[in-house]
Amino acid sequence: MYVDRSINEDDCNLFSCLSRNPWLAQWIFLILSVLVLIWILTTTLILSILVLMWICCDTMATAVLQYIPAEVSLPLG
């Protein structure tokens, strides 16, 4: 019994591999979904930190302009 194991051009592409192994396509989709989720969460965290730093720096820079000196109370009498 002879089995022809010659490599065919049609059998060496990604789509034929995915069609023969549907679980592989599911794993690839799952990994890509997780990577996209991690990217979105990381981007959100970095942008949140940048906004908080901007608010802190802006508050410190404008605090001098908003300073109102306290009135000096003189003793009556």
C-alpha atoms as a PDB file:
ATOM      1  CA  MET A   1       0.000   0.000   0.000  1.00  0.00           C
ATOM      2  CA  TYR A   2       1.656   3.180  -1.196  1.00  0.00           C
ATOM      3  CA  VAL A   3       0.555   6.610   0.046  1.00  0.00           C
ATOM      4  CA  ASP A   4       1.555   9.588  -2.032  1.00  0.00           C
ATOM      5  CA  ARG A   5       3.058  12.097   0.372  1.00  0.00           C
ATOM      6  CA  SER A   6       4.216  14.585  -2.205  1.00  0.00           C
ATOM      7  CA  ILE A   7       3.551  18.162  -1.231  1.00  0.00           C
ATOM      8  CA  ASN A   8       0.958  19.789  -3.380  1.00  0.00           C
ATOM      9  CA  GLU A   9       0.862  23.549  -3.960  1.00  0.00           C
ATOM     10  CA  ASP A  10      -2.813  23.702  -2.954  1.00  0.00           C
ATOM     11  CA  ASP A  11      -2.168  22.011   0.393  1.00  0.00           C
ATOM     12  CA  CYS A  12       0.459  24.509   1.525  1.00  0.00           C
ATOM     13  CA  ASN A  13      -1.606  27.607   2.098  1.00  0.00           C
ATOM     14  CA  LEU A  14      -3.170  29.009   5.227  1.00  0.00           C
ATOM     15  CA  PHE A  15      -6.790  28.662   4.145  1.00  0.00           C
ATOM     16  CA  SER A  16      -6.526  24.963   3.383  1.00  0.00           C
ATOM     17  CA  CYS A  17      -4.882  24.402   6.753  1.00  0.00           C
ATOM     18  CA  LEU A  18      -7.661  26.322   8.515  1.00  0.00           C
ATOM     19  CA  SER A  19     -10.357  24.440   6.614  1.00  0.00           C
ATOM     20  CA  ARG A  20      -8.862  21.091   7.660  1.00  0.00           C
ATOM     21  CA  ASN A  21      -8.464  22.225  11.296  1.00  0.00           C
ATOM     22  CA  PRO A  22     -11.449  24.325  12.419  1.00  0.00           C
ATOM     23  CA  TRP A  23     -10.225  24.327  16.019  1.00  0.00           C
ATOM     24  CA  LEU A  24      -7.093  26.159  14.860  1.00  0.00           C
ATOM     25  CA  ALA A  25      -9.164  29.005  13.441  1.00  0.00           C
ATOM     26  CA  GLN A  26     -11.083  29.242  16.713  1.00  0.00           C
ATOM     27  CA  TRP A  27      -7.854  29.438  18.712  1.00  0.00           C
ATOM     28  CA  ILE A  28      -6.443  32.108  16.416  1.00  0.00           C
ATOM     29  CA  PHE A  29      -9.655  34.132  16.732  1.00  0.00           C
ATOM     30  CA  LEU A  30      -9.572  33.755  20.526  1.00  0.00           C
ATOM     31  CA  ILE A  31      -5.943  34.871  20.772  1.00  0.00           C
ATOM     32  CA  LEU A  32      -6.561  37.874  18.518  1.00  0.00           C
ATOM     33  CA  SER A  33      -9.632  38.832  20.558  1.00  0.00           C
ATOM     34  CA  VAL A  34      -7.645  38.704  23.788  1.00  0.00           C
ATOM     35  CA  LEU A  35      -4.831  40.762  22.265  1.00  0.00           C
ATOM     36  CA  VAL A  36      -7.287  43.421  21.077  1.00  0.00           C
ATOM     37  CA  LEU A  37      -8.884  43.517  24.536  1.00  0.00           C
ATOM     38  CA  ILE A  38      -5.486  43.909  26.220  1.00  0.00           C
ATOM     39  CA  TRP A  39      -4.552  46.678  23.761  1.00  0.00           C
ATOM     40  CA  ILE A  40      -7.790  48.569  24.467  1.00  0.00           C
ATOM     41  CA  LEU A  41      -7.368  48.265  28.245  1.00  0.00           C
ATOM     42  CA  THR A  42      -3.714  49.334  28.110  1.00  0.00           C
ATOM     43  CA  THR A  43      -4.505  52.326  25.911  1.00  0.00           C
ATOM     44  CA  THR A  44      -7.341  53.367  28.221  1.00  0.00           C
ATOM     45  CA  LEU A  45      -5.097  53.098  31.281  1.00  0.00           C
ATOM     46  CA  ILE A  46      -2.278  55.129  29.710  1.00  0.00           C
ATOM     47  CA  LEU A  47      -4.656  57.837  28.492  1.00  0.00           C
ATOM     48  CA  SER A  48      -6.304  58.011  31.929  1.00  0.00           C
ATOM     49  CA  ILE A  49      -2.926  58.496  33.600  1.00  0.00           C
ATOM     50  CA  LEU A  50      -2.004  61.224  31.101  1.00  0.00           C
ATOM     51  CA  VAL A  51      -5.296  63.045  31.718  1.00  0.00           C
ATOM     52  CA  LEU A  52      -4.822  62.872  35.499  1.00  0.00           C
ATOM     53  CA  MET A  53      -1.272  64.210  35.186  1.00  0.00           C
ATOM     54  CA  TRP A  54      -2.530  67.034  32.948  1.00  0.00           C
ATOM     55  CA  ILE A  55      -5.239  67.933  35.481  1.00  0.00           C
ATOM     56  CA  CYS A  56      -2.698  67.976  38.327  1.00  0.00           C
ATOM     57  CA  CYS A  57      -0.237  70.149  36.403  1.00  0.00           C
ATOM     58  CA  ASP A  58      -2.995  72.490  35.239  1.00  0.00           C
ATOM     59  CA  THR A  59      -4.325  72.848  38.776  1.00  0.00           C
ATOM     60  CA  MET A  60      -0.880  73.700  40.140  1.00  0.00           C
ATOM     61  CA  ALA A  61      -0.215  76.208  37.366  1.00  0.00           C
ATOM     62  CA  THR A  62      -3.492  78.081  37.810  1.00  0.00           C
ATOM     63  CA  ALA A  63      -3.582  77.920  41.618  1.00  0.00           C
ATOM     64  CA  VAL A  64      -1.430  81.057  41.868  1.00  0.00           C
ATOM     65  CA  LEU A  65      -3.933  83.049  39.823  1.00  0.00           C
ATOM     66  CA  GLN A  66      -6.814  81.963  42.045  1.00  0.00           C
ATOM     67  CA  TYR A  67      -5.148  82.826  45.354  1.00  0.00           C
ATOM     68  CA  ILE A  68      -7.132  85.281  47.468  1.00  0.00           C
ATOM     69  CA  PRO A  69      -5.197  86.687  50.412  1.00  0.00           C
ATOM     70  CA  ALA A  70      -6.894  86.467  53.789  1.00  0.00           C
ATOM     71  CA  GLU A  71      -8.090  89.680  55.357  1.00  0.00           C
ATOM     72  CA  VAL A  72      -6.110  90.864  58.321  1.00  0.00           C
ATOM     73  CA  SER A  73      -8.384  91.413  61.279  1.00  0.00           C
ATOM     74  CA  LEU A  74      -7.324  94.215  63.570  1.00  0.00           C
ATOM     75  CA  PRO A  75      -8.298  94.156  67.224  1.00  0.00           C
ATOM     76  CA  LEU A  76     -11.083  96.603  67.969  1.00  0.00           C
ATOM     77  CA  GLY A  77     -10.653  98.809  70.840  1.00  0.00           C
END
